Amino acid sequence: MEKNPHYIEEFRNALISCNRLASEKIVNEAAKSHSTLEIVEELITPVMEEIGCDWEEGELSLAQIYMSSRICEKLIDVILPPENPDRKDIPKMAIVILEDYHVLGKRIVYSILRAGGYNLYDYGTMAAEDLIQRVIKDDLHTILISCLMLSSALKVKIVSEKLKSIKPEVKIFVGGAPFRFDEELWKDVGADGTGKSASDAIRLIKNISGGAL
């Protein structure tokens, strides 16, 4: 978006105002002079990362980041539908809530990754043993696990030990309140990394995929 840097500021303002029509108009205008991938990688993704950081610092509300991510997810599905070969299918991944029932945090992370052009399964809520079997069945490379309660977070160790013994290459990333309260907990349960905010998910996935499509 170097030719039209005003797109970035206008798009950010439209998103935090939860203005879907204005956001759509900006993307359509940008499409006249930029490719779909440029729009995803140089407009939508960096703006969502910025909004995620602002939320983490308390400058934006949970409603704003949630609505922003949903608007972007829908925009991406229009300009870069799931069947489009430019969708990012690497790494093959899924997101899941492990043995508790909060939904919003996982939904935001899912939407932000979708808004970044990534394909991923949404496993909903699963028990540890069911998750292990599903990851093996779907031959996943990466699993994102969200936990609200400490008891659920500790069960990540069961998932990690079993999966790593069967698929040593699998990557496990965790997030949620227990991992923010104890910054070393992700290591104790055998995860490969953790994110403090929803926008961290994009950076984690970019790091393991090398930014490749």
N, C-alpha and C. Protein backbone atom coordinates (compact mmCIF):
# COMPACT_ATOMS: atom_id res chain seq x y z
N MET A 1 0.81 -1.20 0.00
CA MET A 1 0.00 0.00 0.00
C MET A 1 0.86 1.27 0.00
N GLU A 2 2.10 1.13 -0.48
CA GLU A 2 3.01 2.27 -0.45
C GLU A 2 2.50 3.43 -1.32
N LYS A 3 1.80 3.09 -2.40
CA LYS A 3 1.32 4.14 -3.30
C LYS A 3 0.18 4.95 -2.68
N ASN A 4 -0.59 4.31 -1.83
CA ASN A 4 -1.75 4.95 -1.21
C ASN A 4 -1.78 4.67 0.29
N PRO A 5 -0.83 5.25 1.04
CA PRO A 5 -0.76 4.95 2.47
C PRO A 5 -2.00 5.38 3.25
N HIS A 6 -2.80 6.29 2.66
CA HIS A 6 -4.01 6.73 3.37
C HIS A 6 -5.01 5.60 3.53
N TYR A 7 -4.92 4.56 2.69
CA TYR A 7 -5.81 3.42 2.82
C TYR A 7 -5.71 2.81 4.22
N ILE A 8 -4.49 2.71 4.73
CA ILE A 8 -4.27 2.04 6.01
C ILE A 8 -4.98 2.77 7.14
N GLU A 9 -4.79 4.09 7.21
CA GLU A 9 -5.42 4.86 8.27
C GLU A 9 -6.93 4.87 8.12
N GLU A 10 -7.42 5.02 6.91
CA GLU A 10 -8.86 5.03 6.67
C GLU A 10 -9.48 3.68 7.02
N PHE A 11 -8.78 2.63 6.66
CA PHE A 11 -9.29 1.29 6.93
C PHE A 11 -9.33 1.02 8.43
N ARG A 12 -8.29 1.41 9.12
CA ARG A 12 -8.26 1.23 10.57
C ARG A 12 -9.41 1.99 11.23
N ASN A 13 -9.61 3.23 10.82
CA ASN A 13 -10.68 4.04 11.41
C ASN A 13 -12.06 3.42 11.15
N ALA A 14 -12.22 2.88 9.94
CA ALA A 14 -13.50 2.25 9.60
C ALA A 14 -13.75 1.02 10.45
N LEU A 15 -12.69 0.24 10.68
CA LEU A 15 -12.84 -0.99 11.47
C LEU A 15 -13.15 -0.69 12.93
N ILE A 16 -12.40 0.22 13.54
CA ILE A 16 -12.64 0.48 14.96
C ILE A 16 -13.96 1.21 15.19
N SER A 17 -14.51 1.78 14.09
CA SER A 17 -15.85 2.36 14.18
C SER A 17 -16.92 1.32 13.88
N CYS A 18 -16.46 0.08 13.59
CA CYS A 18 -17.35 -1.05 13.26
C CYS A 18 -18.22 -0.71 12.05
N ASN A 19 -17.63 0.01 11.10
CA ASN A 19 -18.34 0.44 9.90
C ASN A 19 -18.03 -0.52 8.75
N ARG A 20 -18.88 -1.51 8.59
CA ARG A 20 -18.65 -2.53 7.56
C ARG A 20 -18.67 -1.96 6.16
N LEU A 21 -19.63 -1.08 5.87
CA LEU A 21 -19.75 -0.53 4.52
C LEU A 21 -18.54 0.31 4.15
N ALA A 22 -18.05 1.12 5.08
CA ALA A 22 -16.87 1.94 4.81
C ALA A 22 -15.64 1.05 4.60
N SER A 23 -15.52 0.00 5.40
CA SER A 23 -14.39 -0.93 5.26
C SER A 23 -14.42 -1.60 3.89
N GLU A 24 -15.60 -2.03 3.48
CA GLU A 24 -15.76 -2.67 2.18
C GLU A 24 -15.42 -1.71 1.04
N LYS A 25 -15.84 -0.47 1.18
CA LYS A 25 -15.57 0.54 0.16
C LYS A 25 -14.06 0.77 0.00
N ILE A 26 -13.35 0.84 1.10
CA ILE A 26 -11.90 1.06 1.05
C ILE A 26 -11.20 -0.12 0.37
N VAL A 27 -11.60 -1.33 0.72
CA VAL A 27 -11.00 -2.51 0.10
C VAL A 27 -11.29 -2.54 -1.40
N ASN A 28 -12.51 -2.21 -1.79
CA ASN A 28 -12.87 -2.19 -3.21
C ASN A 28 -12.06 -1.13 -3.96
N GLU A 29 -11.85 0.01 -3.31
CA GLU A 29 -11.06 1.07 -3.93
C GLU A 29 -9.60 0.63 -4.08
N ALA A 30 -9.08 -0.01 -3.06
CA ALA A 30 -7.70 -0.49 -3.11
C ALA A 30 -7.51 -1.55 -4.19
N ALA A 31 -8.57 -2.33 -4.44
CA ALA A 31 -8.50 -3.40 -5.43
C ALA A 31 -8.30 -2.88 -6.85
N LYS A 32 -8.57 -1.61 -7.07
CA LYS A 32 -8.39 -1.02 -8.41
C LYS A 32 -6.91 -0.90 -8.77
N SER A 33 -6.06 -0.83 -7.77
CA SER A 33 -4.63 -0.62 -8.05
C SER A 33 -3.72 -1.62 -7.34
N HIS A 34 -4.31 -2.57 -6.61
CA HIS A 34 -3.51 -3.55 -5.88
C HIS A 34 -4.09 -4.94 -6.07
N SER A 35 -3.23 -5.94 -6.02
CA SER A 35 -3.69 -7.32 -6.13
C SER A 35 -4.36 -7.75 -4.84
N THR A 36 -5.07 -8.87 -4.93
CA THR A 36 -5.75 -9.40 -3.74
C THR A 36 -4.76 -9.69 -2.62
N LEU A 37 -3.63 -10.31 -2.96
CA LEU A 37 -2.65 -10.64 -1.94
C LEU A 37 -2.03 -9.40 -1.33
N GLU A 38 -1.83 -8.35 -2.12
CA GLU A 38 -1.32 -7.10 -1.57
C GLU A 38 -2.30 -6.51 -0.56
N ILE A 39 -3.58 -6.60 -0.88
CA ILE A 39 -4.60 -6.08 0.03
C ILE A 39 -4.59 -6.86 1.34
N VAL A 40 -4.47 -8.18 1.24
CA VAL A 40 -4.46 -9.01 2.45
C VAL A 40 -3.21 -8.75 3.28
N GLU A 41 -2.05 -8.78 2.63
CA GLU A 41 -0.78 -8.75 3.36
C GLU A 41 -0.31 -7.34 3.71
N GLU A 42 -0.74 -6.33 2.96
CA GLU A 42 -0.25 -4.97 3.20
C GLU A 42 -1.30 -4.04 3.79
N LEU A 43 -2.55 -4.49 3.80
CA LEU A 43 -3.62 -3.65 4.36
C LEU A 43 -4.32 -4.36 5.52
N ILE A 44 -5.01 -5.46 5.22
CA ILE A 44 -5.85 -6.09 6.23
C ILE A 44 -5.03 -6.67 7.39
N THR A 45 -4.01 -7.46 7.07
CA THR A 45 -3.24 -8.11 8.13
C THR A 45 -2.53 -7.11 9.04
N PRO A 46 -1.76 -6.14 8.51
CA PRO A 46 -1.09 -5.20 9.42
C PRO A 46 -2.05 -4.35 10.23
N VAL A 47 -3.19 -3.99 9.65
CA VAL A 47 -4.16 -3.19 10.41
C VAL A 47 -4.74 -4.02 11.54
N MET A 48 -5.04 -5.30 11.29
CA MET A 48 -5.57 -6.15 12.34
C MET A 48 -4.52 -6.39 13.43
N GLU A 49 -3.25 -6.50 13.05
CA GLU A 49 -2.19 -6.64 14.05
C GLU A 49 -2.13 -5.40 14.93
N GLU A 50 -2.24 -4.23 14.31
CA GLU A 50 -2.20 -2.97 15.05
C GLU A 50 -3.39 -2.86 16.00
N ILE A 51 -4.56 -3.23 15.51
CA ILE A 51 -5.76 -3.17 16.35
C ILE A 51 -5.63 -4.14 17.52
N GLY A 52 -5.06 -5.32 17.27
CA GLY A 52 -4.85 -6.29 18.34
C GLY A 52 -3.91 -5.75 19.42
N CYS A 53 -2.85 -5.09 19.00
CA CYS A 53 -1.91 -4.50 19.96
C CYS A 53 -2.57 -3.38 20.76
N ASP A 54 -3.38 -2.57 20.09
CA ASP A 54 -4.07 -1.48 20.78
C ASP A 54 -5.05 -2.03 21.82
N TRP A 55 -5.70 -3.14 21.50
CA TRP A 55 -6.61 -3.78 22.45
C TRP A 55 -5.83 -4.30 23.66
N GLU A 56 -4.69 -4.94 23.39
CA GLU A 56 -3.88 -5.48 24.48
C GLU A 56 -3.41 -4.37 25.42
N GLU A 57 -3.18 -3.18 24.88
CA GLU A 57 -2.72 -2.06 25.69
C GLU A 57 -3.88 -1.27 26.30
N GLY A 58 -5.10 -1.74 26.08
CA GLY A 58 -6.26 -1.11 26.69
C GLY A 58 -6.79 0.11 25.97
N GLU A 59 -6.33 0.32 24.73
CA GLU A 59 -6.76 1.50 23.98
C GLU A 59 -8.05 1.25 23.19
N LEU A 60 -8.39 -0.02 22.99
CA LEU A 60 -9.62 -0.37 22.28
C LEU A 60 -10.40 -1.39 23.11
N SER A 61 -11.69 -1.47 22.87
CA SER A 61 -12.54 -2.40 23.62
C SER A 61 -12.53 -3.78 22.98
N LEU A 62 -12.97 -4.76 23.75
CA LEU A 62 -13.10 -6.12 23.24
C LEU A 62 -14.08 -6.16 22.09
N ALA A 63 -15.14 -5.37 22.18
CA ALA A 63 -16.14 -5.32 21.11
C ALA A 63 -15.52 -4.82 19.80
N GLN A 64 -14.62 -3.86 19.91
CA GLN A 64 -14.01 -3.30 18.70
C GLN A 64 -13.12 -4.32 18.00
N ILE A 65 -12.30 -5.05 18.76
CA ILE A 65 -11.44 -6.03 18.10
C ILE A 65 -12.27 -7.19 17.57
N TYR A 66 -13.33 -7.56 18.28
CA TYR A 66 -14.17 -8.66 17.82
C TYR A 66 -14.87 -8.29 16.51
N MET A 67 -15.48 -7.11 16.47
CA MET A 67 -16.19 -6.69 15.27
C MET A 67 -15.24 -6.44 14.12
N SER A 68 -14.07 -5.89 14.42
CA SER A 68 -13.07 -5.65 13.37
C SER A 68 -12.66 -6.97 12.71
N SER A 69 -12.41 -7.97 13.55
CA SER A 69 -11.98 -9.26 13.02
C SER A 69 -13.08 -9.93 12.21
N ARG A 70 -14.34 -9.80 12.65
CA ARG A 70 -15.44 -10.40 11.90
C ARG A 70 -15.64 -9.69 10.57
N ILE A 71 -15.53 -8.36 10.56
CA ILE A 71 -15.66 -7.62 9.30
C ILE A 71 -14.57 -8.05 8.32
N CYS A 72 -13.34 -8.14 8.81
CA CYS A 72 -12.23 -8.53 7.94
C CYS A 72 -12.37 -9.97 7.46
N GLU A 73 -12.85 -10.84 8.32
CA GLU A 73 -13.06 -12.23 7.92
C GLU A 73 -14.03 -12.32 6.75
N LYS A 74 -15.11 -11.56 6.82
CA LYS A 74 -16.10 -11.58 5.74
C LYS A 74 -15.55 -10.95 4.47
N LEU A 75 -14.76 -9.88 4.62
CA LEU A 75 -14.14 -9.26 3.45
C LEU A 75 -13.19 -10.24 2.75
N ILE A 76 -12.40 -10.95 3.56
CA ILE A 76 -11.46 -11.92 3.01
C ILE A 76 -12.19 -13.02 2.27
N ASP A 77 -13.30 -13.48 2.82
CA ASP A 77 -14.05 -14.56 2.17
C ASP A 77 -14.61 -14.13 0.83
N VAL A 78 -14.80 -12.82 0.63
CA VAL A 78 -15.27 -12.32 -0.66
C VAL A 78 -14.12 -12.20 -1.66
N ILE A 79 -13.02 -11.56 -1.25
CA ILE A 79 -11.92 -11.32 -2.18
C ILE A 79 -10.97 -12.50 -2.29
N LEU A 80 -10.98 -13.37 -1.27
CA LEU A 80 -10.08 -14.53 -1.27
C LEU A 80 -10.84 -15.73 -0.71
N PRO A 81 -11.80 -16.25 -1.46
CA PRO A 81 -12.64 -17.35 -0.96
C PRO A 81 -11.81 -18.60 -0.65
N PRO A 82 -12.34 -19.48 0.19
CA PRO A 82 -11.60 -20.67 0.62
C PRO A 82 -11.03 -21.50 -0.52
N GLU A 83 -11.72 -21.53 -1.65
CA GLU A 83 -11.23 -22.35 -2.77
C GLU A 83 -10.16 -21.66 -3.59
N ASN A 84 -9.89 -20.39 -3.32
CA ASN A 84 -8.88 -19.65 -4.07
C ASN A 84 -7.50 -20.23 -3.81
N PRO A 85 -6.71 -20.51 -4.86
CA PRO A 85 -5.39 -21.11 -4.67
C PRO A 85 -4.41 -20.22 -3.91
N ASP A 86 -4.72 -18.92 -3.80
CA ASP A 86 -3.84 -18.02 -3.06
C ASP A 86 -4.07 -18.06 -1.56
N ARG A 87 -5.09 -18.80 -1.11
CA ARG A 87 -5.30 -18.97 0.32
C ARG A 87 -4.08 -19.67 0.93
N LYS A 88 -3.76 -19.32 2.16
CA LYS A 88 -2.60 -19.89 2.82
C LYS A 88 -2.98 -21.19 3.51
N ASP A 89 -2.58 -22.30 2.92
CA ASP A 89 -2.90 -23.61 3.48
C ASP A 89 -1.73 -24.19 4.26
N ILE A 90 -0.65 -23.44 4.35
CA ILE A 90 0.53 -23.88 5.09
C ILE A 90 0.71 -22.95 6.27
N PRO A 91 0.81 -23.43 7.48
CA PRO A 91 0.72 -24.83 7.89
C PRO A 91 -0.74 -25.29 7.98
N LYS A 92 -0.94 -26.60 7.84
CA LYS A 92 -2.27 -27.15 8.03
C LYS A 92 -2.56 -27.12 9.53
N MET A 93 -3.62 -26.40 9.92
CA MET A 93 -3.80 -26.16 11.34
C MET A 93 -5.26 -26.10 11.75
N ALA A 94 -5.45 -26.08 13.08
CA ALA A 94 -6.78 -25.98 13.66
C ALA A 94 -6.68 -25.21 14.96
N ILE A 95 -7.82 -24.72 15.41
CA ILE A 95 -7.92 -24.03 16.69
C ILE A 95 -8.98 -24.74 17.53
N VAL A 96 -8.75 -24.81 18.84
CA VAL A 96 -9.65 -25.57 19.71
C VAL A 96 -9.67 -24.97 21.11
N ILE A 97 -10.80 -25.11 21.78
CA ILE A 97 -10.90 -24.82 23.21
C ILE A 97 -10.74 -26.16 23.93
N LEU A 98 -9.80 -26.22 24.85
CA LEU A 98 -9.54 -27.49 25.52
C LEU A 98 -10.31 -27.60 26.83
N GLU A 99 -11.34 -28.41 26.80
CA GLU A 99 -12.08 -28.83 27.99
C GLU A 99 -12.63 -27.69 28.86
N ASP A 100 -12.94 -26.55 28.29
CA ASP A 100 -13.79 -25.59 28.99
C ASP A 100 -14.64 -24.88 27.95
N TYR A 101 -15.39 -23.88 28.33
CA TYR A 101 -16.48 -23.46 27.47
C TYR A 101 -16.52 -21.97 27.15
N HIS A 102 -15.39 -21.26 27.31
CA HIS A 102 -15.36 -19.89 26.83
C HIS A 102 -15.27 -19.93 25.31
N VAL A 103 -15.79 -18.93 24.65
CA VAL A 103 -15.85 -18.96 23.19
C VAL A 103 -15.22 -17.73 22.56
N LEU A 104 -15.40 -16.57 23.18
CA LEU A 104 -15.05 -15.32 22.52
C LEU A 104 -13.58 -15.22 22.13
N GLY A 105 -12.67 -15.57 23.05
CA GLY A 105 -11.24 -15.45 22.74
C GLY A 105 -10.85 -16.29 21.54
N LYS A 106 -11.33 -17.53 21.53
CA LYS A 106 -11.02 -18.42 20.40
C LYS A 106 -11.61 -17.89 19.11
N ARG A 107 -12.83 -17.33 19.19
CA ARG A 107 -13.50 -16.80 18.00
C ARG A 107 -12.71 -15.63 17.41
N ILE A 108 -12.15 -14.79 18.27
CA ILE A 108 -11.37 -13.64 17.80
C ILE A 108 -10.10 -14.12 17.09
N VAL A 109 -9.39 -15.06 17.70
CA VAL A 109 -8.16 -15.58 17.08
C VAL A 109 -8.48 -16.23 15.74
N TYR A 110 -9.53 -17.02 15.71
CA TYR A 110 -9.95 -17.68 14.47
C TYR A 110 -10.23 -16.63 13.39
N SER A 111 -10.97 -15.60 13.73
CA SER A 111 -11.33 -14.57 12.76
C SER A 111 -10.11 -13.80 12.27
N ILE A 112 -9.19 -13.50 13.18
CA ILE A 112 -7.99 -12.76 12.79
C ILE A 112 -7.14 -13.58 11.82
N LEU A 113 -6.99 -14.87 12.08
CA LEU A 113 -6.22 -15.71 11.16
C LEU A 113 -6.92 -15.84 9.82
N ARG A 114 -8.23 -15.99 9.85
CA ARG A 114 -8.99 -16.03 8.60
C ARG A 114 -8.85 -14.71 7.84
N ALA A 115 -8.87 -13.61 8.61
CA ALA A 115 -8.71 -12.30 7.99
C ALA A 115 -7.32 -12.13 7.40
N GLY A 116 -6.35 -12.89 7.91
CA GLY A 116 -5.00 -12.85 7.36
C GLY A 116 -4.82 -13.76 6.17
N GLY A 117 -5.91 -14.41 5.75
CA GLY A 117 -5.85 -15.27 4.57
C GLY A 117 -5.52 -16.71 4.85
N TYR A 118 -5.47 -17.10 6.12
CA TYR A 118 -5.15 -18.48 6.47
C TYR A 118 -6.39 -19.35 6.55
N ASN A 119 -6.26 -20.57 6.08
CA ASN A 119 -7.29 -21.57 6.27
C ASN A 119 -6.98 -22.35 7.54
N LEU A 120 -8.00 -22.63 8.33
CA LEU A 120 -7.81 -23.47 9.51
C LEU A 120 -9.14 -24.07 9.93
N TYR A 121 -9.04 -25.24 10.55
CA TYR A 121 -10.22 -25.89 11.09
C TYR A 121 -10.60 -25.21 12.41
N ASP A 122 -11.89 -25.20 12.70
CA ASP A 122 -12.37 -24.78 14.01
C ASP A 122 -12.93 -26.03 14.69
N TYR A 123 -12.21 -26.55 15.67
CA TYR A 123 -12.61 -27.78 16.34
C TYR A 123 -13.62 -27.55 17.45
N GLY A 124 -13.94 -26.31 17.75
CA GLY A 124 -14.87 -26.04 18.84
C GLY A 124 -14.24 -26.38 20.18
N THR A 125 -14.99 -27.11 21.03
CA THR A 125 -14.50 -27.54 22.34
C THR A 125 -14.29 -29.04 22.33
N MET A 126 -13.13 -29.49 22.80
CA MET A 126 -12.83 -30.92 22.78
C MET A 126 -12.11 -31.33 24.05
N ALA A 127 -12.26 -32.61 24.41
CA ALA A 127 -11.48 -33.20 25.48
C ALA A 127 -10.10 -33.56 24.94
N ALA A 128 -9.14 -33.73 25.85
CA ALA A 128 -7.75 -33.96 25.45
C ALA A 128 -7.59 -35.17 24.53
N GLU A 129 -8.15 -36.31 24.91
CA GLU A 129 -7.97 -37.52 24.12
C GLU A 129 -8.63 -37.40 22.75
N ASP A 130 -9.79 -36.76 22.70
CA ASP A 130 -10.46 -36.57 21.41
C ASP A 130 -9.64 -35.65 20.51
N LEU A 131 -9.03 -34.64 21.10
CA LEU A 131 -8.20 -33.71 20.33
C LEU A 131 -6.99 -34.43 19.73
N ILE A 132 -6.36 -35.26 20.53
CA ILE A 132 -5.20 -36.02 20.05
C ILE A 132 -5.56 -36.84 18.82
N GLN A 133 -6.67 -37.56 18.90
CA GLN A 133 -7.10 -38.39 17.78
C GLN A 133 -7.45 -37.57 16.56
N ARG A 134 -8.07 -36.41 16.77
CA ARG A 134 -8.48 -35.56 15.64
C ARG A 134 -7.27 -34.96 14.92
N VAL A 135 -6.27 -34.54 15.68
CA VAL A 135 -5.05 -33.98 15.08
C VAL A 135 -4.36 -35.04 14.23
N ILE A 136 -4.31 -36.25 14.73
CA ILE A 136 -3.68 -37.35 13.97
C ILE A 136 -4.50 -37.66 12.71
N LYS A 137 -5.80 -37.72 12.86
CA LYS A 137 -6.67 -38.03 11.73
C LYS A 137 -6.55 -36.98 10.63
N ASP A 138 -6.54 -35.71 11.02
CA ASP A 138 -6.48 -34.63 10.03
C ASP A 138 -5.05 -34.31 9.59
N ASP A 139 -4.07 -35.00 10.19
CA ASP A 139 -2.66 -34.83 9.83
C ASP A 139 -2.25 -33.35 9.91
N LEU A 140 -2.52 -32.75 11.06
CA LEU A 140 -2.22 -31.33 11.23
C LEU A 140 -0.74 -31.09 11.49
N HIS A 141 -0.29 -29.92 11.11
CA HIS A 141 1.05 -29.46 11.42
C HIS A 141 1.06 -28.60 12.67
N THR A 142 -0.06 -27.87 12.88
CA THR A 142 -0.12 -26.89 13.97
C THR A 142 -1.50 -26.93 14.63
N ILE A 143 -1.50 -26.86 15.97
CA ILE A 143 -2.75 -26.76 16.70
C ILE A 143 -2.66 -25.58 17.67
N LEU A 144 -3.68 -24.75 17.64
CA LEU A 144 -3.78 -23.60 18.54
C LEU A 144 -4.79 -23.95 19.63
N ILE A 145 -4.35 -23.93 20.89
CA ILE A 145 -5.20 -24.35 21.99
C ILE A 145 -5.49 -23.16 22.90
N SER A 146 -6.77 -22.93 23.14
CA SER A 146 -7.21 -21.84 23.99
C SER A 146 -7.75 -22.40 25.31
N CYS A 147 -7.31 -21.82 26.42
CA CYS A 147 -7.75 -22.28 27.74
C CYS A 147 -8.13 -21.09 28.61
N LEU A 148 -9.18 -21.24 29.36
CA LEU A 148 -9.59 -20.20 30.31
C LEU A 148 -9.23 -20.59 31.74
N MET A 149 -9.37 -21.87 32.06
CA MET A 149 -9.12 -22.34 33.42
C MET A 149 -7.77 -23.03 33.52
N LEU A 150 -7.13 -22.93 34.70
CA LEU A 150 -5.83 -23.56 34.91
C LEU A 150 -5.91 -25.07 34.74
N SER A 151 -7.01 -25.67 35.20
CA SER A 151 -7.15 -27.13 35.07
C SER A 151 -7.12 -27.55 33.61
N SER A 152 -7.69 -26.74 32.74
CA SER A 152 -7.66 -27.05 31.30
C SER A 152 -6.26 -26.84 30.74
N ALA A 153 -5.61 -25.75 31.17
CA ALA A 153 -4.26 -25.46 30.69
C ALA A 153 -3.30 -26.59 31.03
N LEU A 154 -3.42 -27.16 32.20
CA LEU A 154 -2.53 -28.23 32.62
C LEU A 154 -2.71 -29.49 31.77
N LYS A 155 -3.90 -29.66 31.21
CA LYS A 155 -4.14 -30.83 30.37
C LYS A 155 -3.48 -30.72 28.99
N VAL A 156 -2.98 -29.54 28.68
CA VAL A 156 -2.21 -29.40 27.44
C VAL A 156 -1.01 -30.34 27.46
N LYS A 157 -0.49 -30.59 28.65
CA LYS A 157 0.67 -31.48 28.76
C LYS A 157 0.34 -32.88 28.26
N ILE A 158 -0.87 -33.35 28.54
CA ILE A 158 -1.30 -34.67 28.06
C ILE A 158 -1.31 -34.67 26.53
N VAL A 159 -1.87 -33.62 25.96
CA VAL A 159 -1.94 -33.49 24.50
C VAL A 159 -0.54 -33.43 23.90
N SER A 160 0.30 -32.61 24.49
CA SER A 160 1.64 -32.42 23.96
C SER A 160 2.47 -33.70 24.00
N GLU A 161 2.47 -34.37 25.14
CA GLU A 161 3.29 -35.58 25.27
C GLU A 161 2.86 -36.67 24.30
N LYS A 162 1.53 -36.85 24.16
CA LYS A 162 1.04 -37.90 23.27
C LYS A 162 1.30 -37.55 21.81
N LEU A 163 1.00 -36.30 21.43
CA LEU A 163 1.18 -35.91 20.03
C LEU A 163 2.64 -35.92 19.63
N LYS A 164 3.51 -35.41 20.50
CA LYS A 164 4.93 -35.35 20.16
C LYS A 164 5.54 -36.74 20.02
N SER A 165 4.96 -37.71 20.72
CA SER A 165 5.48 -39.08 20.60
C SER A 165 5.07 -39.72 19.28
N ILE A 166 3.96 -39.25 18.72
CA ILE A 166 3.45 -39.80 17.46
C ILE A 166 3.85 -38.94 16.27
N LYS A 167 3.76 -37.61 16.44
CA LYS A 167 4.08 -36.66 15.38
C LYS A 167 5.04 -35.61 15.94
N PRO A 168 6.32 -35.91 15.99
CA PRO A 168 7.29 -34.98 16.60
C PRO A 168 7.31 -33.61 15.94
N GLU A 169 6.87 -33.54 14.69
CA GLU A 169 6.92 -32.27 13.97
C GLU A 169 5.76 -31.34 14.30
N VAL A 170 4.75 -31.83 14.99
CA VAL A 170 3.57 -31.01 15.25
C VAL A 170 3.93 -29.84 16.16
N LYS A 171 3.35 -28.67 15.87
CA LYS A 171 3.57 -27.47 16.67
C LYS A 171 2.31 -27.17 17.49
N ILE A 172 2.51 -26.87 18.76
CA ILE A 172 1.39 -26.58 19.66
C ILE A 172 1.57 -25.19 20.24
N PHE A 173 0.61 -24.33 19.97
CA PHE A 173 0.63 -22.98 20.52
C PHE A 173 -0.57 -22.80 21.45
N VAL A 174 -0.34 -22.12 22.54
CA VAL A 174 -1.39 -21.98 23.55
C VAL A 174 -1.65 -20.51 23.87
N GLY A 175 -2.85 -20.26 24.38
CA GLY A 175 -3.20 -18.91 24.79
C GLY A 175 -4.35 -18.94 25.78
N GLY A 176 -4.56 -17.83 26.45
CA GLY A 176 -5.62 -17.74 27.44
C GLY A 176 -5.08 -17.27 28.78
N ALA A 177 -5.99 -17.01 29.70
CA ALA A 177 -5.65 -16.40 30.98
C ALA A 177 -4.54 -17.12 31.76
N PRO A 178 -4.56 -18.46 31.88
CA PRO A 178 -3.52 -19.11 32.68
C PRO A 178 -2.11 -18.83 32.17
N PHE A 179 -1.97 -18.69 30.86
CA PHE A 179 -0.65 -18.47 30.29
C PHE A 179 -0.21 -17.01 30.37
N ARG A 180 -1.16 -16.12 30.60
CA ARG A 180 -0.80 -14.73 30.84
C ARG A 180 -0.40 -14.53 32.30
N PHE A 181 -1.06 -15.25 33.20
CA PHE A 181 -0.75 -15.14 34.63
C PHE A 181 0.61 -15.77 34.96
N ASP A 182 0.92 -16.87 34.30
CA ASP A 182 2.19 -17.56 34.52
C ASP A 182 2.93 -17.64 33.19
N GLU A 183 3.92 -16.79 33.02
CA GLU A 183 4.60 -16.67 31.73
C GLU A 183 5.45 -17.87 31.36
N GLU A 184 5.68 -18.77 32.31
CA GLU A 184 6.47 -19.97 32.04
C GLU A 184 5.60 -21.21 31.87
N LEU A 185 4.30 -21.06 32.05
CA LEU A 185 3.41 -22.23 32.03
C LEU A 185 3.42 -22.94 30.68
N TRP A 186 3.51 -22.18 29.59
CA TRP A 186 3.49 -22.82 28.27
C TRP A 186 4.65 -23.80 28.11
N LYS A 187 5.79 -23.48 28.70
CA LYS A 187 6.94 -24.40 28.63
C LYS A 187 6.67 -25.63 29.49
N ASP A 188 6.06 -25.41 30.66
CA ASP A 188 5.80 -26.52 31.57
C ASP A 188 4.86 -27.55 30.98
N VAL A 189 3.94 -27.12 30.11
CA VAL A 189 2.97 -28.06 29.52
C VAL A 189 3.43 -28.58 28.16
N GLY A 190 4.64 -28.19 27.75
CA GLY A 190 5.20 -28.76 26.52
C GLY A 190 4.77 -28.10 25.23
N ALA A 191 4.26 -26.87 25.32
CA ALA A 191 3.86 -26.15 24.10
C ALA A 191 5.10 -25.58 23.41
N ASP A 192 4.93 -25.18 22.17
CA ASP A 192 6.03 -24.60 21.39
C ASP A 192 6.03 -23.08 21.43
N GLY A 193 4.99 -22.51 22.00
CA GLY A 193 4.92 -21.06 22.09
C GLY A 193 3.58 -20.62 22.63
N THR A 194 3.49 -19.34 22.96
CA THR A 194 2.24 -18.79 23.46
C THR A 194 2.07 -17.37 22.96
N GLY A 195 0.83 -16.91 22.96
CA GLY A 195 0.53 -15.54 22.55
C GLY A 195 -0.27 -14.85 23.63
N LYS A 196 0.08 -13.60 23.91
CA LYS A 196 -0.64 -12.84 24.92
C LYS A 196 -1.89 -12.19 24.36
N SER A 197 -1.90 -11.96 23.06
CA SER A 197 -3.04 -11.30 22.43
C SER A 197 -3.41 -12.03 21.16
N ALA A 198 -4.59 -11.72 20.64
CA ALA A 198 -5.05 -12.38 19.42
C ALA A 198 -4.12 -12.11 18.25
N SER A 199 -3.58 -10.89 18.18
CA SER A 199 -2.71 -10.55 17.06
C SER A 199 -1.40 -11.33 17.09
N ASP A 200 -1.03 -11.84 18.27
CA ASP A 200 0.18 -12.67 18.36
C ASP A 200 0.05 -13.93 17.51
N ALA A 201 -1.17 -14.38 17.31
CA ALA A 201 -1.39 -15.61 16.54
C ALA A 201 -0.84 -15.47 15.13
N ILE A 202 -1.04 -14.32 14.51
CA ILE A 202 -0.54 -14.11 13.16
C ILE A 202 0.99 -14.18 13.14
N ARG A 203 1.62 -13.56 14.12
CA ARG A 203 3.09 -13.56 14.17
C ARG A 203 3.63 -14.97 14.39
N LEU A 204 2.97 -15.74 15.27
CA LEU A 204 3.40 -17.10 15.51
C LEU A 204 3.32 -17.95 14.24
N ILE A 205 2.21 -17.83 13.54
CA ILE A 205 2.03 -18.63 12.31
C ILE A 205 2.98 -18.17 11.21
N LYS A 206 3.19 -16.87 11.10
CA LYS A 206 4.13 -16.37 10.10
C LYS A 206 5.53 -16.93 10.37
N ASN A 207 5.91 -17.00 11.62
CA ASN A 207 7.26 -17.48 11.96
C ASN A 207 7.48 -18.92 11.54
N ILE A 208 6.48 -19.76 11.73
CA ILE A 208 6.69 -21.18 11.38
C ILE A 208 6.46 -21.47 9.91
N SER A 209 5.74 -20.57 9.22
CA SER A 209 5.49 -20.79 7.80
C SER A 209 6.46 -19.99 6.93
N GLY A 210 7.27 -19.15 7.58
CA GLY A 210 8.22 -18.34 6.83
C GLY A 210 7.56 -17.32 5.96
N GLY A 211 6.28 -17.01 6.26
CA GLY A 211 5.54 -16.05 5.46
C GLY A 211 5.09 -16.60 4.13
N ALA A 212 5.33 -17.92 3.93
CA ALA A 212 4.99 -18.54 2.64
C ALA A 212 3.50 -18.72 2.48
N LEU A 213 3.07 -18.71 1.23
CA LEU A 213 1.65 -18.98 0.93
C LEU A 213 1.43 -20.49 0.92
